[in-house]
Amino acid sequence: MSLGLPDLTCPVTEVAPGLLGCLLGVRAEDGWAVLRITEVEAYGGDGDPASHAYKGVTPRNQVMFGPAGHLYVYRSHGIHWCANVVTGREGEASAVLLRAGEVVEGSDVARQRRGERPKPRDLARGPGNLARALGINADHDGADLLGQGAVRLEPPATAVGGIERGPRVGISRAADRPWRWWLGGEPSVSAYRKAVRRVRTAT
């Protein structure tokens, strides 16, 4: 693939694999860290039942309905922050979830945020860990990824190859869509798991 950023205004399923190998850097109060994106998932708008935007605009998801090239940040299960790149034309509400990455700069800062226990491959393995390693939180929701601000998306440093594709992780709606892409053989890629439906039993 070419060494450049994908056209973020294109459909989300075209943009998502083009983000693999790209660099995402975040400057926070405690330091600067950069990672190479190794795993992503695509989420559409009203045509994707797994998307936050499926039922329309809300205060939580309004950044998804804005212009491409901004960061959409949300809280998952009340615990983890998750980072997404907004794509498509304004009003389409599509975004790419950044699922995993390899920390390539500021590993000492990422380590301080994640603690001593995780192995280097696990510093940004999984969307919650990725956001924590980079210091991403609610304050970064809506950040311009293409400007000169605290969050910057940049092209890959080297050519990218060996891209693999499969279903998205841990979702129950539209679970069979092969809208997850990752770099084959990359140890930072998260483990695949299906969503588990909880069944209530009589007591």
N, C-alpha and C. Protein backbone atom coordinates (compact mmCIF):
# COMPACT_ATOMS: atom_id res chain seq x y z
N MET A 1 0.83 -1.19 0.00
CA MET A 1 0.00 0.00 0.00
C MET A 1 0.87 1.25 0.00
N SER A 2 0.35 2.34 -0.51
CA SER A 2 1.12 3.58 -0.59
C SER A 2 1.35 4.19 0.78
N LEU A 3 2.44 4.97 0.88
CA LEU A 3 2.78 5.60 2.15
C LEU A 3 2.07 6.94 2.26
N GLY A 4 0.82 6.90 2.58
CA GLY A 4 0.03 8.12 2.73
C GLY A 4 -1.21 7.82 3.53
N LEU A 5 -1.87 8.87 3.97
CA LEU A 5 -3.13 8.66 4.67
C LEU A 5 -4.23 8.32 3.66
N PRO A 6 -5.16 7.47 4.03
CA PRO A 6 -6.29 7.23 3.14
C PRO A 6 -7.17 8.47 3.08
N ASP A 7 -7.98 8.55 2.02
CA ASP A 7 -8.95 9.64 1.92
C ASP A 7 -10.05 9.36 2.93
N LEU A 8 -10.07 10.12 4.02
CA LEU A 8 -10.99 9.85 5.11
C LEU A 8 -12.45 10.13 4.75
N THR A 9 -12.70 10.80 3.64
CA THR A 9 -14.07 11.07 3.22
C THR A 9 -14.68 9.90 2.45
N CYS A 10 -13.90 8.87 2.18
CA CYS A 10 -14.39 7.70 1.46
C CYS A 10 -15.24 6.83 2.39
N PRO A 11 -15.96 5.84 1.84
CA PRO A 11 -16.74 4.93 2.68
C PRO A 11 -15.86 4.27 3.75
N VAL A 12 -16.46 4.01 4.90
CA VAL A 12 -15.70 3.53 6.06
C VAL A 12 -14.96 2.22 5.79
N THR A 13 -15.54 1.33 4.97
CA THR A 13 -14.89 0.06 4.70
C THR A 13 -13.69 0.20 3.77
N GLU A 14 -13.57 1.33 3.11
CA GLU A 14 -12.38 1.61 2.31
C GLU A 14 -11.31 2.29 3.16
N VAL A 15 -11.75 3.13 4.07
CA VAL A 15 -10.80 3.87 4.91
C VAL A 15 -10.13 2.95 5.92
N ALA A 16 -10.91 2.05 6.53
CA ALA A 16 -10.41 1.26 7.66
C ALA A 16 -9.09 0.54 7.37
N PRO A 17 -9.00 -0.29 6.31
CA PRO A 17 -7.72 -0.97 6.08
C PRO A 17 -6.59 -0.01 5.73
N GLY A 18 -6.94 1.16 5.18
CA GLY A 18 -5.92 2.15 4.86
C GLY A 18 -5.30 2.81 6.06
N LEU A 19 -5.93 2.66 7.23
CA LEU A 19 -5.37 3.23 8.46
C LEU A 19 -4.32 2.33 9.10
N LEU A 20 -4.26 1.08 8.68
CA LEU A 20 -3.27 0.17 9.24
C LEU A 20 -1.87 0.65 8.89
N GLY A 21 -1.02 0.68 9.89
CA GLY A 21 0.34 1.16 9.70
C GLY A 21 0.49 2.65 9.91
N CYS A 22 -0.63 3.39 9.91
CA CYS A 22 -0.56 4.83 10.16
C CYS A 22 -0.17 5.09 11.61
N LEU A 23 0.33 6.28 11.87
CA LEU A 23 0.80 6.65 13.20
C LEU A 23 -0.18 7.60 13.87
N LEU A 24 -0.49 7.32 15.12
CA LEU A 24 -1.35 8.20 15.90
C LEU A 24 -0.56 8.67 17.11
N GLY A 25 -0.38 9.98 17.21
CA GLY A 25 0.36 10.56 18.32
C GLY A 25 -0.52 11.47 19.15
N VAL A 26 -0.33 11.43 20.46
CA VAL A 26 -1.13 12.24 21.38
C VAL A 26 -0.21 12.90 22.39
N ARG A 27 -0.36 14.22 22.53
CA ARG A 27 0.39 14.95 23.55
C ARG A 27 -0.56 15.28 24.69
N ALA A 28 -0.25 14.75 25.88
CA ALA A 28 -1.04 15.00 27.08
C ALA A 28 -0.17 15.68 28.12
N GLU A 29 -0.75 15.99 29.26
CA GLU A 29 -0.01 16.69 30.30
C GLU A 29 1.20 15.90 30.79
N ASP A 30 1.09 14.59 30.77
CA ASP A 30 2.19 13.77 31.29
C ASP A 30 3.16 13.30 30.21
N GLY A 31 2.98 13.73 28.96
CA GLY A 31 3.96 13.39 27.93
C GLY A 31 3.35 13.07 26.58
N TRP A 32 4.22 12.66 25.67
CA TRP A 32 3.88 12.41 24.27
C TRP A 32 4.11 10.94 23.95
N ALA A 33 3.16 10.30 23.28
CA ALA A 33 3.31 8.91 22.87
C ALA A 33 2.73 8.73 21.47
N VAL A 34 3.34 7.82 20.72
CA VAL A 34 2.93 7.54 19.34
C VAL A 34 2.81 6.04 19.16
N LEU A 35 1.78 5.61 18.46
CA LEU A 35 1.68 4.19 18.13
C LEU A 35 1.41 3.99 16.65
N ARG A 36 1.77 2.80 16.20
CA ARG A 36 1.47 2.36 14.84
C ARG A 36 0.21 1.52 14.91
N ILE A 37 -0.80 1.90 14.15
CA ILE A 37 -2.09 1.22 14.19
C ILE A 37 -1.98 -0.16 13.56
N THR A 38 -2.39 -1.20 14.29
CA THR A 38 -2.26 -2.57 13.80
C THR A 38 -3.59 -3.31 13.66
N GLU A 39 -4.67 -2.75 14.19
CA GLU A 39 -5.97 -3.42 14.10
C GLU A 39 -7.08 -2.38 14.16
N VAL A 40 -8.06 -2.52 13.28
CA VAL A 40 -9.17 -1.57 13.21
C VAL A 40 -10.49 -2.29 12.94
N GLU A 41 -11.59 -1.61 13.24
CA GLU A 41 -12.93 -2.08 12.90
C GLU A 41 -13.73 -0.93 12.30
N ALA A 42 -14.53 -1.24 11.28
CA ALA A 42 -15.36 -0.23 10.64
C ALA A 42 -16.78 -0.28 11.20
N TYR A 43 -17.35 0.92 11.41
CA TYR A 43 -18.74 1.03 11.85
C TYR A 43 -19.45 2.07 10.99
N GLY A 44 -20.54 1.65 10.36
CA GLY A 44 -21.29 2.54 9.50
C GLY A 44 -22.30 3.35 10.29
N GLY A 45 -23.22 3.97 9.60
CA GLY A 45 -24.23 4.80 10.24
C GLY A 45 -25.54 4.07 10.39
N ASP A 46 -26.61 4.61 9.76
CA ASP A 46 -27.94 4.03 9.95
C ASP A 46 -28.10 2.68 9.26
N GLY A 47 -27.12 2.25 8.48
CA GLY A 47 -27.19 0.94 7.85
C GLY A 47 -26.44 -0.13 8.62
N ASP A 48 -25.91 0.21 9.77
CA ASP A 48 -25.11 -0.72 10.55
C ASP A 48 -25.69 -0.83 11.97
N PRO A 49 -26.41 -1.90 12.28
CA PRO A 49 -27.03 -2.02 13.59
C PRO A 49 -26.05 -2.08 14.76
N ALA A 50 -24.76 -2.32 14.48
CA ALA A 50 -23.76 -2.35 15.54
C ALA A 50 -23.17 -0.97 15.82
N SER A 51 -23.55 0.01 15.02
CA SER A 51 -22.98 1.35 15.14
C SER A 51 -23.72 2.18 16.19
N HIS A 52 -22.99 3.04 16.88
CA HIS A 52 -23.60 3.98 17.82
C HIS A 52 -24.56 4.94 17.12
N ALA A 53 -24.37 5.11 15.81
CA ALA A 53 -25.18 6.07 15.07
C ALA A 53 -26.40 5.43 14.40
N TYR A 54 -26.65 4.18 14.68
CA TYR A 54 -27.72 3.45 13.98
C TYR A 54 -29.09 4.10 14.16
N LYS A 55 -29.35 4.64 15.35
CA LYS A 55 -30.67 5.21 15.63
C LYS A 55 -30.68 6.74 15.56
N GLY A 56 -29.63 7.32 14.99
CA GLY A 56 -29.62 8.76 14.82
C GLY A 56 -28.68 9.48 15.77
N VAL A 57 -28.67 10.80 15.66
CA VAL A 57 -27.74 11.62 16.42
C VAL A 57 -28.16 11.75 17.88
N THR A 58 -27.18 11.70 18.77
CA THR A 58 -27.38 11.89 20.20
C THR A 58 -26.22 12.76 20.71
N PRO A 59 -26.31 13.28 21.92
CA PRO A 59 -25.18 14.05 22.45
C PRO A 59 -23.90 13.22 22.50
N ARG A 60 -24.04 11.92 22.70
CA ARG A 60 -22.87 11.05 22.78
C ARG A 60 -22.18 10.88 21.44
N ASN A 61 -22.95 10.67 20.36
CA ASN A 61 -22.35 10.31 19.08
C ASN A 61 -22.28 11.43 18.06
N GLN A 62 -22.60 12.66 18.44
CA GLN A 62 -22.73 13.73 17.46
C GLN A 62 -21.45 13.98 16.66
N VAL A 63 -20.28 13.69 17.23
CA VAL A 63 -19.03 13.87 16.49
C VAL A 63 -19.00 12.97 15.26
N MET A 64 -19.64 11.80 15.33
CA MET A 64 -19.67 10.90 14.19
C MET A 64 -20.38 11.52 13.00
N PHE A 65 -21.30 12.43 13.24
CA PHE A 65 -22.08 13.05 12.16
C PHE A 65 -21.37 14.26 11.56
N GLY A 66 -20.25 14.62 12.13
CA GLY A 66 -19.50 15.77 11.64
C GLY A 66 -18.55 15.41 10.52
N PRO A 67 -17.63 16.30 10.20
CA PRO A 67 -16.70 16.06 9.10
C PRO A 67 -15.69 14.97 9.42
N ALA A 68 -15.18 14.33 8.38
CA ALA A 68 -14.16 13.30 8.53
C ALA A 68 -12.87 13.91 9.08
N GLY A 69 -12.05 13.03 9.69
CA GLY A 69 -10.76 13.48 10.18
C GLY A 69 -10.76 13.98 11.60
N HIS A 70 -11.83 13.67 12.32
CA HIS A 70 -11.89 14.03 13.73
C HIS A 70 -11.95 12.77 14.58
N LEU A 71 -11.63 12.92 15.85
CA LEU A 71 -11.61 11.79 16.77
C LEU A 71 -12.95 11.69 17.50
N TYR A 72 -13.54 10.51 17.47
CA TYR A 72 -14.75 10.23 18.24
C TYR A 72 -14.35 9.35 19.42
N VAL A 73 -14.58 9.85 20.63
CA VAL A 73 -14.19 9.13 21.84
C VAL A 73 -15.43 8.82 22.66
N TYR A 74 -15.55 7.58 23.07
CA TYR A 74 -16.68 7.19 23.92
C TYR A 74 -16.22 6.28 25.04
N ARG A 75 -17.05 6.16 26.07
CA ARG A 75 -16.77 5.31 27.21
C ARG A 75 -17.42 3.95 26.99
N SER A 76 -16.67 2.89 27.15
CA SER A 76 -17.18 1.55 26.95
C SER A 76 -17.42 0.87 28.30
N HIS A 77 -18.65 0.44 28.51
CA HIS A 77 -19.03 -0.26 29.75
C HIS A 77 -18.72 0.56 31.00
N GLY A 78 -18.66 1.87 30.85
CA GLY A 78 -18.39 2.73 31.98
C GLY A 78 -16.98 2.63 32.52
N ILE A 79 -16.08 1.99 31.76
CA ILE A 79 -14.73 1.73 32.25
C ILE A 79 -13.66 2.33 31.34
N HIS A 80 -13.67 1.91 30.06
CA HIS A 80 -12.59 2.25 29.13
C HIS A 80 -13.01 3.33 28.14
N TRP A 81 -12.07 4.19 27.79
CA TRP A 81 -12.26 5.10 26.67
C TRP A 81 -11.86 4.38 25.39
N CYS A 82 -12.58 4.64 24.31
CA CYS A 82 -12.27 4.06 23.01
C CYS A 82 -12.15 5.18 21.98
N ALA A 83 -11.17 5.04 21.08
CA ALA A 83 -10.88 6.08 20.09
C ALA A 83 -11.27 5.63 18.69
N ASN A 84 -11.93 6.53 17.95
CA ASN A 84 -12.39 6.23 16.60
C ASN A 84 -12.05 7.38 15.67
N VAL A 85 -11.74 7.06 14.41
CA VAL A 85 -11.51 8.06 13.38
C VAL A 85 -12.79 8.25 12.59
N VAL A 86 -13.34 9.45 12.59
CA VAL A 86 -14.57 9.73 11.83
C VAL A 86 -14.26 9.75 10.34
N THR A 87 -15.12 9.11 9.55
CA THR A 87 -14.89 8.99 8.11
C THR A 87 -16.15 9.39 7.34
N GLY A 88 -16.02 9.36 6.01
CA GLY A 88 -17.16 9.59 5.15
C GLY A 88 -17.56 11.05 5.03
N ARG A 89 -18.64 11.28 4.32
CA ARG A 89 -19.15 12.63 4.14
C ARG A 89 -19.90 13.07 5.38
N GLU A 90 -19.91 14.36 5.62
CA GLU A 90 -20.58 14.89 6.79
C GLU A 90 -22.05 14.47 6.80
N GLY A 91 -22.50 13.98 7.94
CA GLY A 91 -23.86 13.49 8.08
C GLY A 91 -24.01 11.99 7.93
N GLU A 92 -22.96 11.30 7.43
CA GLU A 92 -23.04 9.85 7.24
C GLU A 92 -22.81 9.08 8.54
N ALA A 93 -22.11 9.67 9.46
CA ALA A 93 -21.90 9.09 10.79
C ALA A 93 -21.21 7.74 10.76
N SER A 94 -20.10 7.64 10.07
CA SER A 94 -19.31 6.42 10.08
C SER A 94 -17.97 6.69 10.77
N ALA A 95 -17.39 5.64 11.33
CA ALA A 95 -16.12 5.80 12.04
C ALA A 95 -15.38 4.48 12.11
N VAL A 96 -14.06 4.58 12.30
CA VAL A 96 -13.20 3.41 12.41
C VAL A 96 -12.70 3.32 13.85
N LEU A 97 -13.04 2.23 14.52
CA LEU A 97 -12.55 1.99 15.88
C LEU A 97 -11.10 1.52 15.81
N LEU A 98 -10.24 2.16 16.57
CA LEU A 98 -8.84 1.75 16.65
C LEU A 98 -8.72 0.69 17.74
N ARG A 99 -8.52 -0.55 17.31
CA ARG A 99 -8.56 -1.68 18.25
C ARG A 99 -7.20 -1.99 18.88
N ALA A 100 -6.11 -1.75 18.16
CA ALA A 100 -4.80 -2.12 18.72
C ALA A 100 -3.70 -1.36 17.99
N GLY A 101 -2.57 -1.26 18.66
CA GLY A 101 -1.42 -0.60 18.05
C GLY A 101 -0.13 -0.99 18.75
N GLU A 102 0.97 -0.67 18.10
CA GLU A 102 2.31 -0.88 18.65
C GLU A 102 2.89 0.47 19.04
N VAL A 103 3.23 0.64 20.29
CA VAL A 103 3.81 1.90 20.74
C VAL A 103 5.22 2.03 20.16
N VAL A 104 5.46 3.08 19.40
CA VAL A 104 6.75 3.26 18.73
C VAL A 104 7.52 4.46 19.25
N GLU A 105 6.88 5.29 20.04
CA GLU A 105 7.54 6.45 20.63
C GLU A 105 6.83 6.78 21.96
N GLY A 106 7.62 7.12 22.96
CA GLY A 106 7.04 7.44 24.25
C GLY A 106 6.61 6.21 25.03
N SER A 107 7.32 5.10 24.86
CA SER A 107 6.94 3.88 25.55
C SER A 107 7.03 4.04 27.07
N ASP A 108 7.94 4.90 27.53
CA ASP A 108 8.04 5.13 28.98
C ASP A 108 6.78 5.83 29.50
N VAL A 109 6.23 6.75 28.71
CA VAL A 109 5.00 7.44 29.09
C VAL A 109 3.83 6.46 29.07
N ALA A 110 3.75 5.64 28.00
CA ALA A 110 2.68 4.65 27.92
C ALA A 110 2.78 3.66 29.07
N ARG A 111 3.99 3.30 29.45
CA ARG A 111 4.19 2.35 30.55
C ARG A 111 3.70 2.94 31.88
N GLN A 112 3.94 4.21 32.08
CA GLN A 112 3.47 4.87 33.30
C GLN A 112 1.95 4.83 33.37
N ARG A 113 1.30 4.97 32.23
CA ARG A 113 -0.15 4.98 32.20
C ARG A 113 -0.74 3.58 32.36
N ARG A 114 -0.04 2.59 31.85
CA ARG A 114 -0.56 1.22 31.85
C ARG A 114 -0.03 0.38 33.01
N GLY A 115 1.06 0.83 33.65
CA GLY A 115 1.62 0.05 34.74
C GLY A 115 2.73 -0.87 34.26
N GLU A 116 3.38 -1.54 35.18
CA GLU A 116 4.54 -2.37 34.86
C GLU A 116 4.15 -3.77 34.39
N ARG A 117 2.94 -4.18 34.65
CA ARG A 117 2.57 -5.57 34.38
C ARG A 117 2.47 -5.93 32.90
N PRO A 118 1.84 -5.12 32.04
CA PRO A 118 1.66 -5.51 30.63
C PRO A 118 3.00 -5.68 29.90
N LYS A 119 3.05 -6.70 29.03
CA LYS A 119 4.20 -6.88 28.16
C LYS A 119 4.19 -5.76 27.11
N PRO A 120 5.34 -5.50 26.46
CA PRO A 120 5.36 -4.44 25.43
C PRO A 120 4.28 -4.60 24.37
N ARG A 121 4.01 -5.84 23.95
CA ARG A 121 2.98 -6.06 22.91
C ARG A 121 1.58 -5.71 23.41
N ASP A 122 1.40 -5.71 24.74
CA ASP A 122 0.08 -5.50 25.32
C ASP A 122 -0.20 -4.06 25.74
N LEU A 123 0.77 -3.16 25.56
CA LEU A 123 0.58 -1.78 26.01
C LEU A 123 -0.64 -1.13 25.35
N ALA A 124 -0.84 -1.41 24.06
CA ALA A 124 -1.98 -0.82 23.35
C ALA A 124 -2.76 -1.91 22.63
N ARG A 125 -2.89 -3.06 23.25
CA ARG A 125 -3.58 -4.21 22.66
C ARG A 125 -5.01 -4.24 23.18
N GLY A 126 -5.95 -3.92 22.31
CA GLY A 126 -7.35 -3.76 22.70
C GLY A 126 -7.68 -2.27 22.75
N PRO A 127 -8.91 -1.91 22.38
CA PRO A 127 -9.25 -0.48 22.26
C PRO A 127 -9.14 0.31 23.55
N GLY A 128 -9.49 -0.29 24.68
CA GLY A 128 -9.35 0.43 25.95
C GLY A 128 -7.91 0.66 26.32
N ASN A 129 -7.08 -0.34 26.13
CA ASN A 129 -5.65 -0.20 26.42
C ASN A 129 -4.98 0.79 25.48
N LEU A 130 -5.43 0.81 24.22
CA LEU A 130 -4.87 1.76 23.25
C LEU A 130 -5.12 3.19 23.71
N ALA A 131 -6.35 3.48 24.09
CA ALA A 131 -6.67 4.84 24.52
C ALA A 131 -5.91 5.21 25.79
N ARG A 132 -5.81 4.27 26.70
CA ARG A 132 -5.10 4.56 27.95
C ARG A 132 -3.61 4.79 27.71
N ALA A 133 -3.00 3.97 26.85
CA ALA A 133 -1.58 4.13 26.56
C ALA A 133 -1.27 5.49 25.96
N LEU A 134 -2.21 6.01 25.16
CA LEU A 134 -2.01 7.32 24.53
C LEU A 134 -2.53 8.47 25.37
N GLY A 135 -3.20 8.17 26.47
CA GLY A 135 -3.75 9.23 27.32
C GLY A 135 -5.00 9.85 26.77
N ILE A 136 -5.74 9.10 25.93
CA ILE A 136 -6.98 9.61 25.32
C ILE A 136 -8.14 9.49 26.30
N ASN A 137 -8.92 10.57 26.40
CA ASN A 137 -10.10 10.58 27.26
C ASN A 137 -11.18 11.47 26.64
N ALA A 138 -12.20 11.79 27.40
CA ALA A 138 -13.33 12.57 26.89
C ALA A 138 -12.90 13.94 26.36
N ASP A 139 -11.83 14.49 26.88
CA ASP A 139 -11.36 15.80 26.44
C ASP A 139 -10.92 15.79 24.97
N HIS A 140 -10.63 14.61 24.43
CA HIS A 140 -10.15 14.49 23.05
C HIS A 140 -11.29 14.24 22.06
N ASP A 141 -12.51 14.11 22.55
CA ASP A 141 -13.64 13.89 21.65
C ASP A 141 -13.80 15.09 20.71
N GLY A 142 -13.79 14.82 19.42
CA GLY A 142 -13.91 15.88 18.42
C GLY A 142 -12.59 16.49 17.99
N ALA A 143 -11.47 16.01 18.52
CA ALA A 143 -10.16 16.57 18.16
C ALA A 143 -9.89 16.41 16.67
N ASP A 144 -9.27 17.42 16.08
CA ASP A 144 -8.90 17.41 14.67
C ASP A 144 -7.62 16.59 14.51
N LEU A 145 -7.71 15.49 13.78
CA LEU A 145 -6.56 14.60 13.62
C LEU A 145 -5.58 15.06 12.56
N LEU A 146 -5.97 16.01 11.75
CA LEU A 146 -5.15 16.41 10.61
C LEU A 146 -4.52 17.78 10.79
N GLY A 147 -4.71 18.40 11.94
CA GLY A 147 -4.16 19.71 12.20
C GLY A 147 -2.86 19.63 12.98
N GLN A 148 -2.59 20.66 13.75
CA GLN A 148 -1.36 20.73 14.53
C GLN A 148 -1.65 20.69 16.03
N GLY A 149 -2.76 20.06 16.39
CA GLY A 149 -3.17 20.02 17.78
C GLY A 149 -2.51 18.91 18.57
N ALA A 150 -3.15 18.54 19.68
CA ALA A 150 -2.57 17.56 20.59
C ALA A 150 -2.68 16.13 20.07
N VAL A 151 -3.56 15.90 19.10
CA VAL A 151 -3.73 14.56 18.53
C VAL A 151 -3.46 14.63 17.03
N ARG A 152 -2.56 13.76 16.55
CA ARG A 152 -2.19 13.83 15.14
C ARG A 152 -2.15 12.45 14.51
N LEU A 153 -2.74 12.35 13.33
CA LEU A 153 -2.71 11.13 12.53
C LEU A 153 -1.76 11.36 11.37
N GLU A 154 -0.79 10.46 11.21
CA GLU A 154 0.23 10.63 10.18
C GLU A 154 0.38 9.35 9.36
N PRO A 155 0.92 9.46 8.13
CA PRO A 155 1.07 8.29 7.26
C PRO A 155 2.04 7.27 7.85
N PRO A 156 2.00 6.03 7.34
CA PRO A 156 2.95 5.01 7.80
C PRO A 156 4.39 5.42 7.53
N ALA A 157 5.28 4.95 8.39
CA ALA A 157 6.71 5.23 8.20
C ALA A 157 7.31 4.26 7.18
N THR A 158 6.72 3.08 7.05
CA THR A 158 7.18 2.07 6.09
C THR A 158 5.98 1.46 5.39
N ALA A 159 6.24 0.77 4.29
CA ALA A 159 5.17 0.14 3.52
C ALA A 159 4.44 -0.90 4.37
N VAL A 160 3.14 -1.05 4.11
CA VAL A 160 2.30 -1.96 4.88
C VAL A 160 1.84 -3.10 3.98
N GLY A 161 1.90 -4.31 4.50
CA GLY A 161 1.44 -5.48 3.75
C GLY A 161 0.91 -6.53 4.70
N GLY A 162 0.45 -7.64 4.15
CA GLY A 162 -0.02 -8.74 4.98
C GLY A 162 -1.28 -8.43 5.76
N ILE A 163 -2.20 -7.67 5.16
CA ILE A 163 -3.44 -7.30 5.85
C ILE A 163 -4.43 -8.46 5.80
N GLU A 164 -5.02 -8.76 6.97
CA GLU A 164 -6.02 -9.82 7.06
C GLU A 164 -7.36 -9.21 7.47
N ARG A 165 -8.42 -9.99 7.26
CA ARG A 165 -9.77 -9.46 7.45
C ARG A 165 -10.67 -10.50 8.09
N GLY A 166 -11.60 -10.05 8.93
CA GLY A 166 -12.53 -10.98 9.56
C GLY A 166 -13.66 -10.24 10.24
N PRO A 167 -14.50 -10.96 11.00
CA PRO A 167 -15.63 -10.33 11.68
C PRO A 167 -15.20 -9.46 12.85
N ARG A 168 -16.07 -8.53 13.23
CA ARG A 168 -15.79 -7.64 14.35
C ARG A 168 -15.86 -8.38 15.67
N VAL A 169 -15.24 -7.79 16.68
CA VAL A 169 -15.08 -8.46 17.97
C VAL A 169 -16.19 -8.10 18.95
N GLY A 170 -16.74 -9.10 19.62
CA GLY A 170 -17.61 -8.87 20.77
C GLY A 170 -18.92 -8.17 20.51
N ILE A 171 -19.45 -8.25 19.28
CA ILE A 171 -20.74 -7.61 19.01
C ILE A 171 -21.77 -8.68 18.64
N SER A 172 -23.04 -8.40 18.91
CA SER A 172 -24.09 -9.37 18.62
C SER A 172 -24.91 -8.99 17.39
N ARG A 173 -24.88 -7.72 16.99
CA ARG A 173 -25.62 -7.27 15.82
C ARG A 173 -24.68 -7.14 14.63
N ALA A 174 -25.13 -7.62 13.47
CA ALA A 174 -24.30 -7.61 12.26
C ALA A 174 -22.93 -8.21 12.55
N ALA A 175 -22.92 -9.26 13.35
CA ALA A 175 -21.67 -9.85 13.82
C ALA A 175 -20.88 -10.54 12.71
N ASP A 176 -21.54 -10.93 11.64
CA ASP A 176 -20.86 -11.67 10.58
C ASP A 176 -20.19 -10.78 9.53
N ARG A 177 -20.40 -9.49 9.61
CA ARG A 177 -19.76 -8.61 8.62
C ARG A 177 -18.24 -8.63 8.82
N PRO A 178 -17.49 -8.87 7.76
CA PRO A 178 -16.02 -8.91 7.89
C PRO A 178 -15.43 -7.50 7.88
N TRP A 179 -15.75 -6.74 8.91
CA TRP A 179 -15.37 -5.33 8.96
C TRP A 179 -14.26 -5.06 9.97
N ARG A 180 -13.44 -6.07 10.22
CA ARG A 180 -12.24 -5.89 11.04
C ARG A 180 -11.03 -6.24 10.19
N TRP A 181 -10.01 -5.39 10.28
CA TRP A 181 -8.77 -5.60 9.54
C TRP A 181 -7.60 -5.53 10.50
N TRP A 182 -6.56 -6.32 10.24
CA TRP A 182 -5.38 -6.29 11.10
C TRP A 182 -4.15 -6.69 10.30
N LEU A 183 -3.00 -6.37 10.85
CA LEU A 183 -1.73 -6.74 10.24
C LEU A 183 -1.38 -8.17 10.66
N GLY A 184 -1.31 -9.07 9.69
CA GLY A 184 -1.04 -10.46 9.98
C GLY A 184 0.30 -10.66 10.66
N GLY A 185 0.31 -11.50 11.69
CA GLY A 185 1.55 -11.79 12.40
C GLY A 185 1.98 -10.73 13.39
N GLU A 186 1.19 -9.68 13.54
CA GLU A 186 1.54 -8.60 14.46
C GLU A 186 1.10 -8.97 15.87
N PRO A 187 2.04 -9.07 16.83
CA PRO A 187 1.68 -9.54 18.18
C PRO A 187 0.78 -8.61 18.97
N SER A 188 0.68 -7.35 18.58
CA SER A 188 -0.16 -6.41 19.34
C SER A 188 -1.64 -6.55 19.00
N VAL A 189 -1.99 -7.32 17.96
CA VAL A 189 -3.39 -7.47 17.57
C VAL A 189 -4.15 -8.22 18.67
N SER A 190 -5.35 -7.76 18.99
CA SER A 190 -6.13 -8.35 20.07
C SER A 190 -6.72 -9.69 19.66
N ALA A 191 -7.08 -10.48 20.66
CA ALA A 191 -7.66 -11.80 20.41
C ALA A 191 -9.12 -11.66 19.98
N TYR A 192 -9.53 -12.48 19.02
CA TYR A 192 -10.91 -12.44 18.55
C TYR A 192 -11.82 -13.19 19.53
N ARG A 193 -12.97 -12.60 19.80
CA ARG A 193 -13.97 -13.30 20.60
C ARG A 193 -15.36 -12.90 20.12
N LYS A 194 -16.26 -13.84 20.12
CA LYS A 194 -17.64 -13.58 19.76
C LYS A 194 -18.37 -12.97 20.96
N ALA A 195 -19.45 -12.27 20.66
CA ALA A 195 -20.29 -11.75 21.74
C ALA A 195 -20.99 -12.90 22.42
N VAL A 196 -21.14 -12.82 23.73
CA VAL A 196 -21.84 -13.85 24.50
C VAL A 196 -23.19 -13.32 24.91
N ARG A 197 -24.22 -13.97 24.45
CA ARG A 197 -25.58 -13.56 24.81
C ARG A 197 -25.90 -14.06 26.23
N ARG A 198 -26.34 -13.14 27.08
CA ARG A 198 -26.71 -13.52 28.44
C ARG A 198 -28.17 -13.93 28.48
N VAL A 199 -28.41 -15.12 29.01
CA VAL A 199 -29.76 -15.65 29.09
C VAL A 199 -30.19 -15.66 30.56
N ARG A 200 -31.31 -15.01 30.83
CA ARG A 200 -31.84 -14.98 32.19
C ARG A 200 -32.56 -16.28 32.50
N THR A 201 -32.32 -16.80 33.66
CA THR A 201 -32.98 -18.02 34.07
C THR A 201 -33.92 -17.75 35.25
N ALA A 202 -34.95 -18.53 35.35
CA ALA A 202 -35.91 -18.35 36.44
C ALA A 202 -35.28 -18.77 37.76
N THR A 203 -35.63 -18.05 38.82
CA THR A 203 -35.10 -18.40 40.14
C THR A 203 -36.24 -18.66 41.11
